[in-house]
Amino acid sequence: MLPLVRELIEHVRMHFLHEEELLIAVEYPQAAAHGEIHRKLIARAEEMSDDFERGAGHAGDLLGFLIHDVVARHMLIEDRKFFPWFKKTARAARKKGLPSRPFDA
């Protein structure tokens, strides 16, 4: 199970990095703070997977953290906070005749 968990953590890390690039590209005011949340989540996930590997942690705790804290709490709640910013910047870009998505240029 541990190799799959580590692979999942790596996918989450890449998701976070791409998301942070996007937040910076659209000049989201809370981009730095959001990135810090990402770093804390990844650090905790790595710590828990290391504990599990040493026999000091439980699979249920690790999976619970990944499912509840990373996916349900962060990705489904925290990430929704920047959606209005994307709508606002897309409307402003269209009014100026610019690409409405940051990577369309």
C-alpha atoms as a PDB file:
ATOM      1  CA  MET A   1       0.000   0.000   0.000  1.00  0.00           C
ATOM      2  CA  LEU A   2       2.817   2.413   0.825  1.00  0.00           C
ATOM      3  CA  PRO A   3       4.070   2.784  -2.785  1.00  0.00           C
ATOM      4  CA  LEU A   4       0.542   3.709  -3.871  1.00  0.00           C
ATOM      5  CA  VAL A   5       0.211   6.243  -1.058  1.00  0.00           C
ATOM      6  CA  ARG A   6       3.543   7.810  -1.982  1.00  0.00           C
ATOM      7  CA  GLU A   7       2.436   7.969  -5.621  1.00  0.00           C
ATOM      8  CA  LEU A   8      -0.793   9.660  -4.559  1.00  0.00           C
ATOM      9  CA  ILE A   9       1.144  12.195  -2.489  1.00  0.00           C
ATOM     10  CA  GLU A  10       3.322  12.944  -5.514  1.00  0.00           C
ATOM     11  CA  HIS A  11       0.235  13.492  -7.671  1.00  0.00           C
ATOM     12  CA  VAL A  12      -1.185  15.830  -5.032  1.00  0.00           C
ATOM     13  CA  ARG A  13       2.137  17.701  -4.905  1.00  0.00           C
ATOM     14  CA  MET A  14       2.048  18.202  -8.696  1.00  0.00           C
ATOM     15  CA  HIS A  15      -1.591  19.304  -8.525  1.00  0.00           C
ATOM     16  CA  PHE A  16      -0.664  21.857  -5.879  1.00  0.00           C
ATOM     17  CA  LEU A  17       2.291  23.164  -7.912  1.00  0.00           C
ATOM     18  CA  HIS A  18       0.169  23.617 -11.030  1.00  0.00           C
ATOM     19  CA  GLU A  19      -2.559  25.277  -9.010  1.00  0.00           C
ATOM     20  CA  GLU A  20      -0.069  27.696  -7.448  1.00  0.00           C
ATOM     21  CA  GLU A  21       1.290  28.606 -10.892  1.00  0.00           C
ATOM     22  CA  LEU A  22      -2.246  29.358 -12.008  1.00  0.00           C
ATOM     23  CA  LEU A  23      -3.011  31.453  -8.906  1.00  0.00           C
ATOM     24  CA  ILE A  24       0.145  33.497  -9.476  1.00  0.00           C
ATOM     25  CA  ALA A  25      -0.668  33.916 -13.169  1.00  0.00           C
ATOM     26  CA  VAL A  26      -4.078  35.432 -12.375  1.00  0.00           C
ATOM     27  CA  GLU A  27      -2.578  37.517  -9.555  1.00  0.00           C
ATOM     28  CA  TYR A  28      -4.791  35.970  -6.892  1.00  0.00           C
ATOM     29  CA  PRO A  29      -4.209  38.074  -3.756  1.00  0.00           C
ATOM     30  CA  GLN A  30      -4.064  35.046  -1.437  1.00  0.00           C
ATOM     31  CA  ALA A  31      -1.766  32.945  -3.663  1.00  0.00           C
ATOM     32  CA  ALA A  32       1.129  32.928  -1.185  1.00  0.00           C
ATOM     33  CA  ALA A  33      -1.088  31.971   1.754  1.00  0.00           C
ATOM     34  CA  HIS A  34      -2.741  29.234  -0.293  1.00  0.00           C
ATOM     35  CA  GLY A  35       0.674  27.889  -1.281  1.00  0.00           C
ATOM     36  CA  GLU A  36       1.669  27.765   2.370  1.00  0.00           C
ATOM     37  CA  ILE A  37      -1.381  25.605   3.119  1.00  0.00           C
ATOM     38  CA  HIS A  38      -0.224  23.268   0.337  1.00  0.00           C
ATOM     39  CA  ARG A  39       3.251  22.984   1.827  1.00  0.00           C
ATOM     40  CA  LYS A  40       1.833  22.131   5.259  1.00  0.00           C
ATOM     41  CA  LEU A  41      -0.505  19.488   3.834  1.00  0.00           C
ATOM     42  CA  ILE A  42       2.289  17.817   1.853  1.00  0.00           C
ATOM     43  CA  ALA A  43       4.653  17.923   4.833  1.00  0.00           C
ATOM     44  CA  ARG A  44       2.027  16.291   7.048  1.00  0.00           C
ATOM     45  CA  ALA A  45       1.241  13.636   4.431  1.00  0.00           C
ATOM     46  CA  GLU A  46       4.935  12.792   4.088  1.00  0.00           C
ATOM     47  CA  GLU A  47       5.388  12.675   7.853  1.00  0.00           C
ATOM     48  CA  MET A  48       2.426  10.335   8.227  1.00  0.00           C
ATOM     49  CA  SER A  49       3.613   8.059   5.409  1.00  0.00           C
ATOM     50  CA  ASP A  50       7.099   7.928   6.969  1.00  0.00           C
ATOM     51  CA  ASP A  51       5.531   7.031  10.334  1.00  0.00           C
ATOM     52  CA  PHE A  52       3.475   4.311   8.668  1.00  0.00           C
ATOM     53  CA  GLU A  53       6.574   2.921   6.960  1.00  0.00           C
ATOM     54  CA  ARG A  54       8.372   2.715  10.342  1.00  0.00           C
ATOM     55  CA  GLY A  55       5.380   0.995  11.915  1.00  0.00           C
ATOM     56  CA  ALA A  56       4.569   4.023  14.073  1.00  0.00           C
ATOM     57  CA  GLY A  57       1.432   5.044  12.175  1.00  0.00           C
ATOM     58  CA  HIS A  58      -1.809   3.451  11.071  1.00  0.00           C
ATOM     59  CA  ALA A  59      -3.031   3.118   7.505  1.00  0.00           C
ATOM     60  CA  GLY A  60      -6.464   4.387   8.519  1.00  0.00           C
ATOM     61  CA  ASP A  61      -5.025   7.606   9.919  1.00  0.00           C
ATOM     62  CA  LEU A  62      -2.933   8.222   6.819  1.00  0.00           C
ATOM     63  CA  LEU A  63      -5.755   7.481   4.392  1.00  0.00           C
ATOM     64  CA  GLY A  64      -8.167   9.481   6.530  1.00  0.00           C
ATOM     65  CA  PHE A  65      -5.851  12.493   6.366  1.00  0.00           C
ATOM     66  CA  LEU A  66      -5.475  12.211   2.591  1.00  0.00           C
ATOM     67  CA  ILE A  67      -9.196  11.772   1.997  1.00  0.00           C
ATOM     68  CA  HIS A  68     -10.576  14.160   4.613  1.00  0.00           C
ATOM     69  CA  ASP A  69      -7.978  16.885   5.009  1.00  0.00           C
ATOM     70  CA  VAL A  70      -6.441  17.001   1.544  1.00  0.00           C
ATOM     71  CA  VAL A  71      -9.355  16.120  -0.730  1.00  0.00           C
ATOM     72  CA  ALA A  72     -12.581  16.902   1.127  1.00  0.00           C
ATOM     73  CA  ARG A  73     -11.454  19.809   3.250  1.00  0.00           C
ATOM     74  CA  HIS A  74      -8.825  21.474   1.086  1.00  0.00           C
ATOM     75  CA  MET A  75      -9.655  20.667  -2.518  1.00  0.00           C
ATOM     76  CA  LEU A  76     -13.432  20.802  -2.134  1.00  0.00           C
ATOM     77  CA  ILE A  77     -13.672  23.688   0.352  1.00  0.00           C
ATOM     78  CA  GLU A  78     -10.514  25.833   0.329  1.00  0.00           C
ATOM     79  CA  ASP A  79      -9.998  25.723  -3.430  1.00  0.00           C
ATOM     80  CA  ARG A  80     -13.534  26.961  -4.059  1.00  0.00           C
ATOM     81  CA  LYS A  81     -12.587  30.239  -2.383  1.00  0.00           C
ATOM     82  CA  PHE A  82     -10.618  31.379  -5.435  1.00  0.00           C
ATOM     83  CA  PHE A  83     -13.313  30.532  -8.005  1.00  0.00           C
ATOM     84  CA  PRO A  84     -14.901  34.027  -7.818  1.00  0.00           C
ATOM     85  CA  TRP A  85     -11.477  35.542  -8.530  1.00  0.00           C
ATOM     86  CA  PHE A  86     -11.178  33.456 -11.695  1.00  0.00           C
ATOM     87  CA  LYS A  87     -14.616  34.601 -12.871  1.00  0.00           C
ATOM     88  CA  LYS A  88     -13.721  38.221 -12.174  1.00  0.00           C
ATOM     89  CA  THR A  89     -10.376  38.077 -13.984  1.00  0.00           C
ATOM     90  CA  ALA A  90     -11.883  36.201 -16.950  1.00  0.00           C
ATOM     91  CA  ARG A  91     -14.582  38.890 -17.387  1.00  0.00           C
ATOM     92  CA  ALA A  92     -11.982  41.654 -17.148  1.00  0.00           C
ATOM     93  CA  ALA A  93      -9.769  39.925 -19.718  1.00  0.00           C
ATOM     94  CA  ARG A  94     -12.633  39.479 -22.171  1.00  0.00           C
ATOM     95  CA  LYS A  95     -13.515  43.177 -21.878  1.00  0.00           C
ATOM     96  CA  LYS A  96      -9.930  44.041 -22.834  1.00  0.00           C
ATOM     97  CA  GLY A  97      -9.920  41.544 -25.703  1.00  0.00           C
ATOM     98  CA  LEU A  98      -7.345  39.347 -23.931  1.00  0.00           C
ATOM     99  CA  PRO A  99      -7.438  35.584 -23.422  1.00  0.00           C
ATOM    100  CA  SER A 100      -9.881  34.836 -20.624  1.00  0.00           C
ATOM    101  CA  ARG A 101      -7.759  31.985 -19.278  1.00  0.00           C
ATOM    102  CA  PRO A 102      -4.223  32.684 -18.081  1.00  0.00           C
ATOM    103  CA  PHE A 103      -2.520  30.052 -20.226  1.00  0.00           C
ATOM    104  CA  ASP A 104      -4.356  30.804 -23.480  1.00  0.00           C
ATOM    105  CA  ALA A 105      -1.931  33.553 -24.457  1.00  0.00           C
END
